[in-house]
Structures are given as structure tokens and as C-alpha cells.
Amino acid sequence: MKEMPQDIILRPVITEKSSRLMEQNKYTFEVHPRANKIEVRNAVTTLFKVKVVKVSTIYVRSKPKKMGAFLGKSRAWKKAVVTVAAGERIEFFEGANA
């Protein structure tokens, strides 16, 4: 998969759990479903100018949802938890953590 870093990293994931992980230098992103760990590492390094130590990917399955009388499913997506080197930060997330 030859794509630009902006195509691999789709959006940041801001939740309570991801906020707690930021204290351990771990940042969570939604990534392209076919992106592998090497592509995620290169994209984060290119976009945010940080040294990536580890990348973990998780495929989040869809869940059944109900809206009144209609049944459906939430969308399935892939997320990556990226650990950066000690002392480095991704400034993009710092505003959300305040």
C-alpha cells in the first residue's frame, strides 16, 4: 500500500482511556484498515516528527445498534496505539488533554 501519511492516519482517538495512555507516551489513532505497523510508524514519524518505539494495531469490530425500530451495526475500524520515545510528545494531542 503506497499512500501518503495523511491517508494512513485518519484521525486521533480521544477517549478517557487514550487520555490515560498519553501519560505513558502512548497515542491512539484511527488508521486505514489495510495499513500495517511499518506504514503507521513511518506516517507518525513523518507527520509529527517524533521517534516511534512501538506500534500496536487493533481491529475494532462492529457492534449491533438499534435506533427505534431499525436494527443496524456500527462501523468496523482499525486503531493503532503508538508509543513514542521518552521525553517526546505529539503536540496535536496536548490541547485535548487540558
PDB file of N, CA and C in Angstrom:
ATOM      1  N   MET A   1       0.848  -1.178   0.000  1.00  0.00           N
ATOM      2  CA  MET A   1       0.000   0.000   0.000  1.00  0.00           C
ATOM      3  C   MET A   1       0.890   1.236   0.000  1.00  0.00           C
ATOM      4  N   LYS A   2       0.939   1.938  -1.122  1.00  0.00           N
ATOM      5  CA  LYS A   2       1.739   3.151  -1.240  1.00  0.00           C
ATOM      6  C   LYS A   2       0.806   4.351  -1.146  1.00  0.00           C
ATOM      7  N   GLU A   3       0.750   4.947   0.029  1.00  0.00           N
ATOM      8  CA  GLU A   3      -0.115   6.106   0.211  1.00  0.00           C
ATOM      9  C   GLU A   3       0.625   7.162   1.000  1.00  0.00           C
ATOM     10  N   MET A   4       0.051   8.341   1.033  1.00  0.00           N
ATOM     11  CA  MET A   4       0.615   9.445   1.790  1.00  0.00           C
ATOM     12  C   MET A   4       0.351   9.233   3.277  1.00  0.00           C
ATOM     13  N   PRO A   5       1.165   9.801   4.161  1.00  0.00           N
ATOM     14  CA  PRO A   5       0.931   9.656   5.596  1.00  0.00           C
ATOM     15  C   PRO A   5      -0.447  10.144   6.038  1.00  0.00           C
ATOM     16  N   GLN A   6      -0.972  11.170   5.357  1.00  0.00           N
ATOM     17  CA  GLN A   6      -2.298  11.678   5.690  1.00  0.00           C
ATOM     18  C   GLN A   6      -3.390  10.669   5.367  1.00  0.00           C
ATOM     19  N   ASP A   7      -3.126   9.764   4.433  1.00  0.00           N
ATOM     20  CA  ASP A   7      -4.105   8.737   4.072  1.00  0.00           C
ATOM     21  C   ASP A   7      -4.059   7.558   5.039  1.00  0.00           C
ATOM     22  N   ILE A   8      -2.946   7.372   5.720  1.00  0.00           N
ATOM     23  CA  ILE A   8      -2.809   6.256   6.659  1.00  0.00           C
ATOM     24  C   ILE A   8      -3.373   6.621   8.025  1.00  0.00           C
ATOM     25  N   ILE A   9      -3.002   7.785   8.547  1.00  0.00           N
ATOM     26  CA  ILE A   9      -3.516   8.258   9.834  1.00  0.00           C
ATOM     27  C   ILE A   9      -4.798   9.031   9.539  1.00  0.00           C
ATOM     28  N   LEU A  10      -5.952   8.462   9.902  1.00  0.00           N
ATOM     29  CA  LEU A  10      -7.225   9.088   9.566  1.00  0.00           C
ATOM     30  C   LEU A  10      -7.644  10.149  10.577  1.00  0.00           C
ATOM     31  N   ARG A  11      -7.558   9.825  11.878  1.00  0.00           N
ATOM     32  CA  ARG A  11      -7.934  10.797  12.907  1.00  0.00           C
ATOM     33  C   ARG A  11      -7.433  10.309  14.259  1.00  0.00           C
ATOM     34  N   PRO A  12      -7.273  11.231  15.203  1.00  0.00           N
ATOM     35  CA  PRO A  12      -6.898  10.800  16.557  1.00  0.00           C
ATOM     36  C   PRO A  12      -8.120  10.250  17.289  1.00  0.00           C
ATOM     37  N   VAL A  13      -7.886   9.371  18.243  1.00  0.00           N
ATOM     38  CA  VAL A  13      -8.963   8.835  19.077  1.00  0.00           C
ATOM     39  C   VAL A  13      -8.811   9.476  20.453  1.00  0.00           C
ATOM     40  N   ILE A  14      -9.815  10.264  20.857  1.00  0.00           N
ATOM     41  CA  ILE A  14      -9.777  10.963  22.138  1.00  0.00           C
ATOM     42  C   ILE A  14     -10.846  10.357  23.036  1.00  0.00           C
ATOM     43  N   THR A  15     -10.422   9.521  23.973  1.00  0.00           N
ATOM     44  CA  THR A  15     -11.318   8.923  24.954  1.00  0.00           C
ATOM     45  C   THR A  15     -10.648   9.013  26.318  1.00  0.00           C
ATOM     46  N   GLU A  16     -11.347   8.600  27.349  1.00  0.00           N
ATOM     47  CA  GLU A  16     -10.740   8.608  28.678  1.00  0.00           C
ATOM     48  C   GLU A  16      -9.539   7.679  28.731  1.00  0.00           C
ATOM     49  N   LYS A  17      -9.679   6.508  28.142  1.00  0.00           N
ATOM     50  CA  LYS A  17      -8.577   5.549  28.154  1.00  0.00           C
ATOM     51  C   LYS A  17      -7.375   6.078  27.377  1.00  0.00           C
ATOM     52  N   SER A  18      -7.617   6.678  26.218  1.00  0.00           N
ATOM     53  CA  SER A  18      -6.493   7.204  25.434  1.00  0.00           C
ATOM     54  C   SER A  18      -5.842   8.383  26.145  1.00  0.00           C
ATOM     55  N   SER A  19      -6.610   9.144  26.929  1.00  0.00           N
ATOM     56  CA  SER A  19      -6.026  10.244  27.707  1.00  0.00           C
ATOM     57  C   SER A  19      -5.109   9.707  28.795  1.00  0.00           C
ATOM     58  N   ARG A  20      -5.492   8.607  29.419  1.00  0.00           N
ATOM     59  CA  ARG A  20      -4.625   7.986  30.433  1.00  0.00           C
ATOM     60  C   ARG A  20      -3.360   7.415  29.794  1.00  0.00           C
ATOM     61  N   LEU A  21      -3.494   6.877  28.594  1.00  0.00           N
ATOM     62  CA  LEU A  21      -2.327   6.321  27.896  1.00  0.00           C
ATOM     63  C   LEU A  21      -1.328   7.407  27.498  1.00  0.00           C
ATOM     64  N   MET A  22      -1.808   8.640  27.282  1.00  0.00           N
ATOM     65  CA  MET A  22      -0.909   9.731  26.904  1.00  0.00           C
ATOM     66  C   MET A  22       0.123  10.005  27.991  1.00  0.00           C
ATOM     67  N   GLU A  23      -0.225   9.720  29.248  1.00  0.00           N
ATOM     68  CA  GLU A  23       0.719   9.907  30.351  1.00  0.00           C
ATOM     69  C   GLU A  23       1.887   8.934  30.240  1.00  0.00           C
ATOM     70  N   GLN A  24       1.694   7.823  29.507  1.00  0.00           N
ATOM     71  CA  GLN A  24       2.735   6.825  29.303  1.00  0.00           C
ATOM     72  C   GLN A  24       3.383   6.952  27.919  1.00  0.00           C
ATOM     73  N   ASN A  25       3.222   8.111  27.285  1.00  0.00           N
ATOM     74  CA  ASN A  25       3.754   8.378  25.935  1.00  0.00           C
ATOM     75  C   ASN A  25       3.135   7.472  24.880  1.00  0.00           C
ATOM     76  N   LYS A  26       1.852   7.116  25.038  1.00  0.00           N
ATOM     77  CA  LYS A  26       1.149   6.302  24.054  1.00  0.00           C
ATOM     78  C   LYS A  26       0.012   7.133  23.469  1.00  0.00           C
ATOM     79  N   TYR A  27      -0.068   7.164  22.154  1.00  0.00           N
ATOM     80  CA  TYR A  27      -1.080   7.950  21.448  1.00  0.00           C
ATOM     81  C   TYR A  27      -1.900   7.029  20.560  1.00  0.00           C
ATOM     82  N   THR A  28      -3.204   7.294  20.473  1.00  0.00           N
ATOM     83  CA  THR A  28      -4.128   6.412  19.767  1.00  0.00           C
ATOM     84  C   THR A  28      -4.664   7.117  18.518  1.00  0.00           C
ATOM     85  N   PHE A  29      -4.657   6.393  17.400  1.00  0.00           N
ATOM     86  CA  PHE A  29      -5.136   6.929  16.129  1.00  0.00           C
ATOM     87  C   PHE A  29      -6.054   5.920  15.455  1.00  0.00           C
ATOM     88  N   GLU A  30      -7.014   6.435  14.683  1.00  0.00           N
ATOM     89  CA  GLU A  30      -7.733   5.578  13.739  1.00  0.00           C
ATOM     90  C   GLU A  30      -6.891   5.553  12.471  1.00  0.00           C
ATOM     91  N   VAL A  31      -6.634   4.354  11.950  1.00  0.00           N
ATOM     92  CA  VAL A  31      -5.771   4.216  10.782  1.00  0.00           C
ATOM     93  C   VAL A  31      -6.528   3.512   9.654  1.00  0.00           C
ATOM     94  N   HIS A  32      -5.947   3.575   8.480  1.00  0.00           N
ATOM     95  CA  HIS A  32      -6.526   2.915   7.312  1.00  0.00           C
ATOM     96  C   HIS A  32      -6.611   1.411   7.583  1.00  0.00           C
ATOM     97  N   PRO A  33      -7.713   0.765   7.222  1.00  0.00           N
ATOM     98  CA  PRO A  33      -7.887  -0.660   7.545  1.00  0.00           C
ATOM     99  C   PRO A  33      -6.814  -1.586   6.982  1.00  0.00           C
ATOM    100  N   ARG A  34      -6.173  -1.215   5.890  1.00  0.00           N
ATOM    101  CA  ARG A  34      -5.140  -2.077   5.302  1.00  0.00           C
ATOM    102  C   ARG A  34      -3.724  -1.637   5.645  1.00  0.00           C
ATOM    103  N   ALA A  35      -3.574  -0.634   6.497  1.00  0.00           N
ATOM    104  CA  ALA A  35      -2.238  -0.157   6.871  1.00  0.00           C
ATOM    105  C   ALA A  35      -1.594  -1.135   7.847  1.00  0.00           C
ATOM    106  N   ASN A  36      -0.311  -1.391   7.651  1.00  0.00           N
ATOM    107  CA  ASN A  36       0.398  -2.273   8.582  1.00  0.00           C
ATOM    108  C   ASN A  36       1.206  -1.432   9.573  1.00  0.00           C
ATOM    109  N   LYS A  37       1.864  -2.095  10.523  1.00  0.00           N
ATOM    110  CA  LYS A  37       2.569  -1.388  11.592  1.00  0.00           C
ATOM    111  C   LYS A  37       3.718  -0.527  11.071  1.00  0.00           C
ATOM    112  N   ILE A  38       4.399  -1.000  10.057  1.00  0.00           N
ATOM    113  CA  ILE A  38       5.528  -0.248   9.496  1.00  0.00           C
ATOM    114  C   ILE A  38       5.031   1.042   8.849  1.00  0.00           C
ATOM    115  N   GLU A  39       3.928   0.957   8.113  1.00  0.00           N
ATOM    116  CA  GLU A  39       3.370   2.146   7.476  1.00  0.00           C
ATOM    117  C   GLU A  39       2.864   3.140   8.516  1.00  0.00           C
ATOM    118  N   VAL A  40       2.257   2.638   9.598  1.00  0.00           N
ATOM    119  CA  VAL A  40       1.787   3.526  10.665  1.00  0.00           C
ATOM    120  C   VAL A  40       2.981   4.211  11.323  1.00  0.00           C
ATOM    121  N   ARG A  41       4.043   3.458  11.604  1.00  0.00           N
ATOM    122  CA  ARG A  41       5.258   4.030  12.216  1.00  0.00           C
ATOM    123  C   ARG A  41       5.835   5.141  11.340  1.00  0.00           C
ATOM    124  N   ASN A  42       5.961   4.875  10.040  1.00  0.00           N
ATOM    125  CA  ASN A  42       6.520   5.876   9.127  1.00  0.00           C
ATOM    126  C   ASN A  42       5.627   7.103   9.018  1.00  0.00           C
ATOM    127  N   ALA A  43       4.306   6.909   9.019  1.00  0.00           N
ATOM    128  CA  ALA A  43       3.377   8.038   8.909  1.00  0.00           C
ATOM    129  C   ALA A  43       3.446   8.924  10.142  1.00  0.00           C
ATOM    130  N   VAL A  44       3.480   8.328  11.337  1.00  0.00           N
ATOM    131  CA  VAL A  44       3.545   9.125  12.571  1.00  0.00           C
ATOM    132  C   VAL A  44       4.880   9.864  12.644  1.00  0.00           C
ATOM    133  N   THR A  45       5.959   9.200  12.266  1.00  0.00           N
ATOM    134  CA  THR A  45       7.271   9.851  12.270  1.00  0.00           C
ATOM    135  C   THR A  45       7.296  11.032  11.312  1.00  0.00           C
ATOM    136  N   THR A  46       6.716  10.869  10.132  1.00  0.00           N
ATOM    137  CA  THR A  46       6.702  11.930   9.136  1.00  0.00           C
ATOM    138  C   THR A  46       5.807  13.094   9.549  1.00  0.00           C
ATOM    139  N   LEU A  47       4.604  12.799  10.020  1.00  0.00           N
ATOM    140  CA  LEU A  47       3.641  13.857  10.334  1.00  0.00           C
ATOM    141  C   LEU A  47       3.993  14.628  11.603  1.00  0.00           C
ATOM    142  N   PHE A  48       4.450  13.939  12.633  1.00  0.00           N
ATOM    143  CA  PHE A  48       4.620  14.573  13.941  1.00  0.00           C
ATOM    144  C   PHE A  48       6.077  14.735  14.362  1.00  0.00           C
ATOM    145  N   LYS A  49       7.038  14.266  13.568  1.00  0.00           N
ATOM    146  CA  LYS A  49       8.469  14.428  13.841  1.00  0.00           C
ATOM    147  C   LYS A  49       8.857  13.901  15.220  1.00  0.00           C
ATOM    148  N   VAL A  50       8.437  12.668  15.538  1.00  0.00           N
ATOM    149  CA  VAL A  50       8.783  12.021  16.802  1.00  0.00           C
ATOM    150  C   VAL A  50       9.395  10.653  16.497  1.00  0.00           C
ATOM    151  N   LYS A  51      10.119  10.102  17.475  1.00  0.00           N
ATOM    152  CA  LYS A  51      10.712   8.772  17.336  1.00  0.00           C
ATOM    153  C   LYS A  51       9.729   7.757  17.895  1.00  0.00           C
ATOM    154  N   VAL A  52       9.274   6.833  17.068  1.00  0.00           N
ATOM    155  CA  VAL A  52       8.305   5.821  17.469  1.00  0.00           C
ATOM    156  C   VAL A  52       9.049   4.592  17.975  1.00  0.00           C
ATOM    157  N   VAL A  53       8.676   4.134  19.175  1.00  0.00           N
ATOM    158  CA  VAL A  53       9.304   2.971  19.784  1.00  0.00           C
ATOM    159  C   VAL A  53       8.524   1.700  19.457  1.00  0.00           C
ATOM    160  N   LYS A  54       7.176   1.777  19.506  1.00  0.00           N
ATOM    161  CA  LYS A  54       6.345   0.590  19.332  1.00  0.00           C
ATOM    162  C   LYS A  54       5.007   0.981  18.713  1.00  0.00           C
ATOM    163  N   VAL A  55       4.450   0.078  17.915  1.00  0.00           N
ATOM    164  CA  VAL A  55       3.121   0.265  17.330  1.00  0.00           C
ATOM    165  C   VAL A  55       2.304  -0.997  17.582  1.00  0.00           C
ATOM    166  N   SER A  56       1.115  -0.822  18.161  1.00  0.00           N
ATOM    167  CA  SER A  56       0.171  -1.929  18.337  1.00  0.00           C
ATOM    168  C   SER A  56      -1.072  -1.605  17.540  1.00  0.00           C
ATOM    169  N   THR A  57      -1.572  -2.563  16.766  1.00  0.00           N
ATOM    170  CA  THR A  57      -2.786  -2.335  15.992  1.00  0.00           C
ATOM    171  C   THR A  57      -3.895  -3.237  16.500  1.00  0.00           C
ATOM    172  N   ILE A  58      -5.111  -2.715  16.453  1.00  0.00           N
ATOM    173  CA  ILE A  58      -6.283  -3.429  16.930  1.00  0.00           C
ATOM    174  C   ILE A  58      -7.392  -3.237  15.900  1.00  0.00           C
ATOM    175  N   TYR A  59      -8.038  -4.314  15.515  1.00  0.00           N
ATOM    176  CA  TYR A  59      -9.180  -4.222  14.620  1.00  0.00           C
ATOM    177  C   TYR A  59     -10.433  -4.182  15.491  1.00  0.00           C
ATOM    178  N   VAL A  60     -11.151  -3.066  15.481  1.00  0.00           N
ATOM    179  CA  VAL A  60     -12.354  -2.894  16.292  1.00  0.00           C
ATOM    180  C   VAL A  60     -13.545  -3.364  15.460  1.00  0.00           C
ATOM    181  N   ARG A  61     -14.204  -4.412  15.905  1.00  0.00           N
ATOM    182  CA  ARG A  61     -15.327  -4.974  15.157  1.00  0.00           C
ATOM    183  C   ARG A  61     -16.586  -4.130  15.335  1.00  0.00           C
ATOM    184  N   SER A  62     -17.514  -4.285  14.429  1.00  0.00           N
ATOM    185  CA  SER A  62     -18.773  -3.553  14.527  1.00  0.00           C
ATOM    186  C   SER A  62     -19.646  -4.171  15.608  1.00  0.00           C
ATOM    187  N   LYS A  63     -20.496  -3.327  16.200  1.00  0.00           N
ATOM    188  CA  LYS A  63     -21.395  -3.788  17.250  1.00  0.00           C
ATOM    189  C   LYS A  63     -22.826  -3.589  16.769  1.00  0.00           C
ATOM    190  N   PRO A  64     -23.746  -4.458  17.179  1.00  0.00           N
ATOM    191  CA  PRO A  64     -25.141  -4.247  16.800  1.00  0.00           C
ATOM    192  C   PRO A  64     -25.699  -3.007  17.491  1.00  0.00           C
ATOM    193  N   LYS A  65     -26.416  -2.196  16.744  1.00  0.00           N
ATOM    194  CA  LYS A  65     -27.027  -0.974  17.265  1.00  0.00           C
ATOM    195  C   LYS A  65     -28.503  -0.966  16.912  1.00  0.00           C
ATOM    196  N   LYS A  66     -29.281  -0.285  17.718  1.00  0.00           N
ATOM    197  CA  LYS A  66     -30.715  -0.199  17.494  1.00  0.00           C
ATOM    198  C   LYS A  66     -31.141   1.259  17.595  1.00  0.00           C
ATOM    199  N   MET A  67     -31.891   1.732  16.603  1.00  0.00           N
ATOM    200  CA  MET A  67     -32.390   3.093  16.599  1.00  0.00           C
ATOM    201  C   MET A  67     -33.887   3.014  16.401  1.00  0.00           C
ATOM    202  N   GLY A  68     -34.633   3.007  17.499  1.00  0.00           N
ATOM    203  CA  GLY A  68     -36.080   2.842  17.412  1.00  0.00           C
ATOM    204  C   GLY A  68     -36.404   1.438  16.924  1.00  0.00           C
ATOM    205  N   ALA A  69     -37.114   1.363  15.812  1.00  0.00           N
ATOM    206  CA  ALA A  69     -37.492   0.065  15.264  1.00  0.00           C
ATOM    207  C   ALA A  69     -36.453  -0.473  14.272  1.00  0.00           C
ATOM    208  N   PHE A  70     -35.409   0.295  14.002  1.00  0.00           N
ATOM    209  CA  PHE A  70     -34.427  -0.090  12.994  1.00  0.00           C
ATOM    210  C   PHE A  70     -33.213  -0.745  13.643  1.00  0.00           C
ATOM    211  N   LEU A  71     -32.775  -1.835  13.057  1.00  0.00           N
ATOM    212  CA  LEU A  71     -31.584  -2.522  13.511  1.00  0.00           C
ATOM    213  C   LEU A  71     -30.444  -2.226  12.549  1.00  0.00           C
ATOM    214  N   GLY A  72     -29.264  -2.132  13.082  1.00  0.00           N
ATOM    215  CA  GLY A  72     -28.098  -1.879  12.240  1.00  0.00           C
ATOM    216  C   GLY A  72     -26.837  -2.240  12.977  1.00  0.00           C
ATOM    217  N   LYS A  73     -25.717  -1.779  12.452  1.00  0.00           N
ATOM    218  CA  LYS A  73     -24.417  -2.043  13.061  1.00  0.00           C
ATOM    219  C   LYS A  73     -23.589  -0.774  13.025  1.00  0.00           C
ATOM    220  N   SER A  74     -22.722  -0.628  14.034  1.00  0.00           N
ATOM    221  CA  SER A  74     -21.737   0.441  13.968  1.00  0.00           C
ATOM    222  C   SER A  74     -20.667   0.016  12.968  1.00  0.00           C
ATOM    223  N   ARG A  75     -19.870   0.946  12.544  1.00  0.00           N
ATOM    224  CA  ARG A  75     -18.859   0.592  11.542  1.00  0.00           C
ATOM    225  C   ARG A  75     -17.653  -0.056  12.205  1.00  0.00           C
ATOM    226  N   ALA A  76     -17.008  -0.934  11.497  1.00  0.00           N
ATOM    227  CA  ALA A  76     -15.770  -1.550  11.962  1.00  0.00           C
ATOM    228  C   ALA A  76     -14.619  -0.629  11.560  1.00  0.00           C
ATOM    229  N   TRP A  77     -13.567  -0.580  12.379  1.00  0.00           N
ATOM    230  CA  TRP A  77     -12.430   0.281  12.084  1.00  0.00           C
ATOM    231  C   TRP A  77     -11.171  -0.280  12.715  1.00  0.00           C
ATOM    232  N   LYS A  78     -10.043   0.271  12.327  1.00  0.00           N
ATOM    233  CA  LYS A  78      -8.758  -0.184  12.835  1.00  0.00           C
ATOM    234  C   LYS A  78      -8.101   0.956  13.601  1.00  0.00           C
ATOM    235  N   LYS A  79      -7.579   0.629  14.784  1.00  0.00           N
ATOM    236  CA  LYS A  79      -6.879   1.660  15.543  1.00  0.00           C
ATOM    237  C   LYS A  79      -5.463   1.216  15.831  1.00  0.00           C
ATOM    238  N   ALA A  80      -4.612   2.204  16.040  1.00  0.00           N
ATOM    239  CA  ALA A  80      -3.211   1.945  16.351  1.00  0.00           C
ATOM    240  C   ALA A  80      -2.845   2.723  17.605  1.00  0.00           C
ATOM    241  N   VAL A  81      -2.167   2.042  18.532  1.00  0.00           N
ATOM    242  CA  VAL A  81      -1.627   2.692  19.717  1.00  0.00           C
ATOM    243  C   VAL A  81      -0.125   2.805  19.486  1.00  0.00           C
ATOM    244  N   VAL A  82       0.353   4.049  19.408  1.00  0.00           N
ATOM    245  CA  VAL A  82       1.742   4.325  19.063  1.00  0.00           C
ATOM    246  C   VAL A  82       2.477   4.798  20.317  1.00  0.00           C
ATOM    247  N   THR A  83       3.564   4.122  20.674  1.00  0.00           N
ATOM    248  CA  THR A  83       4.403   4.527  21.797  1.00  0.00           C
ATOM    249  C   THR A  83       5.580   5.318  21.244  1.00  0.00           C
ATOM    250  N   VAL A  84       5.757   6.549  21.748  1.00  0.00           N
ATOM    251  CA  VAL A  84       6.867   7.386  21.302  1.00  0.00           C
ATOM    252  C   VAL A  84       7.983   7.327  22.338  1.00  0.00           C
ATOM    253  N   ALA A  85       9.176   7.752  21.963  1.00  0.00           N
ATOM    254  CA  ALA A  85      10.345   7.699  22.843  1.00  0.00           C
ATOM    255  C   ALA A  85      10.132   8.585  24.064  1.00  0.00           C
ATOM    256  N   ALA A  86      10.794   8.239  25.155  1.00  0.00           N
ATOM    257  CA  ALA A  86      10.679   9.007  26.395  1.00  0.00           C
ATOM    258  C   ALA A  86      11.127  10.444  26.155  1.00  0.00           C
ATOM    259  N   GLY A  87      10.357  11.386  26.680  1.00  0.00           N
ATOM    260  CA  GLY A  87      10.681  12.800  26.525  1.00  0.00           C
ATOM    261  C   GLY A  87      10.088  13.440  25.286  1.00  0.00           C
ATOM    262  N   GLU A  88       9.557  12.659  24.367  1.00  0.00           N
ATOM    263  CA  GLU A  88       8.951  13.224  23.159  1.00  0.00           C
ATOM    264  C   GLU A  88       7.446  13.278  23.324  1.00  0.00           C
ATOM    265  N   ARG A  89       6.821  14.257  22.655  1.00  0.00           N
ATOM    266  CA  ARG A  89       5.378  14.433  22.750  1.00  0.00           C
ATOM    267  C   ARG A  89       4.822  14.761  21.378  1.00  0.00           C
ATOM    268  N   ILE A  90       3.552  14.454  21.200  1.00  0.00           N
ATOM    269  CA  ILE A  90       2.844  14.871  19.995  1.00  0.00           C
ATOM    270  C   ILE A  90       1.990  16.061  20.410  1.00  0.00           C
ATOM    271  N   GLU A  91       2.350  17.241  19.941  1.00  0.00           N
ATOM    272  CA  GLU A  91       1.701  18.480  20.380  1.00  0.00           C
ATOM    273  C   GLU A  91       0.230  18.540  19.981  1.00  0.00           C
ATOM    274  N   PHE A  92      -0.136  17.810  18.942  1.00  0.00           N
ATOM    275  CA  PHE A  92      -1.528  17.808  18.462  1.00  0.00           C
ATOM    276  C   PHE A  92      -2.483  17.382  19.568  1.00  0.00           C
ATOM    277  N   PHE A  93      -2.068  16.457  20.427  1.00  0.00           N
ATOM    278  CA  PHE A  93      -2.916  15.924  21.479  1.00  0.00           C
ATOM    279  C   PHE A  93      -2.934  16.784  22.739  1.00  0.00           C
ATOM    280  N   GLU A  94      -1.984  17.651  22.910  1.00  0.00           N
ATOM    281  CA  GLU A  94      -1.831  18.379  24.170  1.00  0.00           C
ATOM    282  C   GLU A  94      -3.028  19.289  24.465  1.00  0.00           C
ATOM    283  N   GLY A  95      -3.659  19.853  23.443  1.00  0.00           N
ATOM    284  CA  GLY A  95      -4.825  20.710  23.648  1.00  0.00           C
ATOM    285  C   GLY A  95      -6.027  19.912  24.136  1.00  0.00           C
ATOM    286  N   ALA A  96      -6.153  18.646  23.703  1.00  0.00           N
ATOM    287  CA  ALA A  96      -7.280  17.805  24.082  1.00  0.00           C
ATOM    288  C   ALA A  96      -7.137  17.291  25.512  1.00  0.00           C
ATOM    289  N   ASN A  97      -5.911  17.229  25.998  1.00  0.00           N
ATOM    290  CA  ASN A  97      -5.642  16.684  27.318  1.00  0.00           C
ATOM    291  C   ASN A  97      -5.877  17.721  28.416  1.00  0.00           C
ATOM    292  N   ALA A  98      -5.962  19.004  28.055  1.00  0.00           N
ATOM    293  CA  ALA A  98      -6.107  20.066  29.052  1.00  0.00           C
ATOM    294  C   ALA A  98      -7.491  20.167  29.622  1.00  0.00           C
TER     295      ALA A  98
END
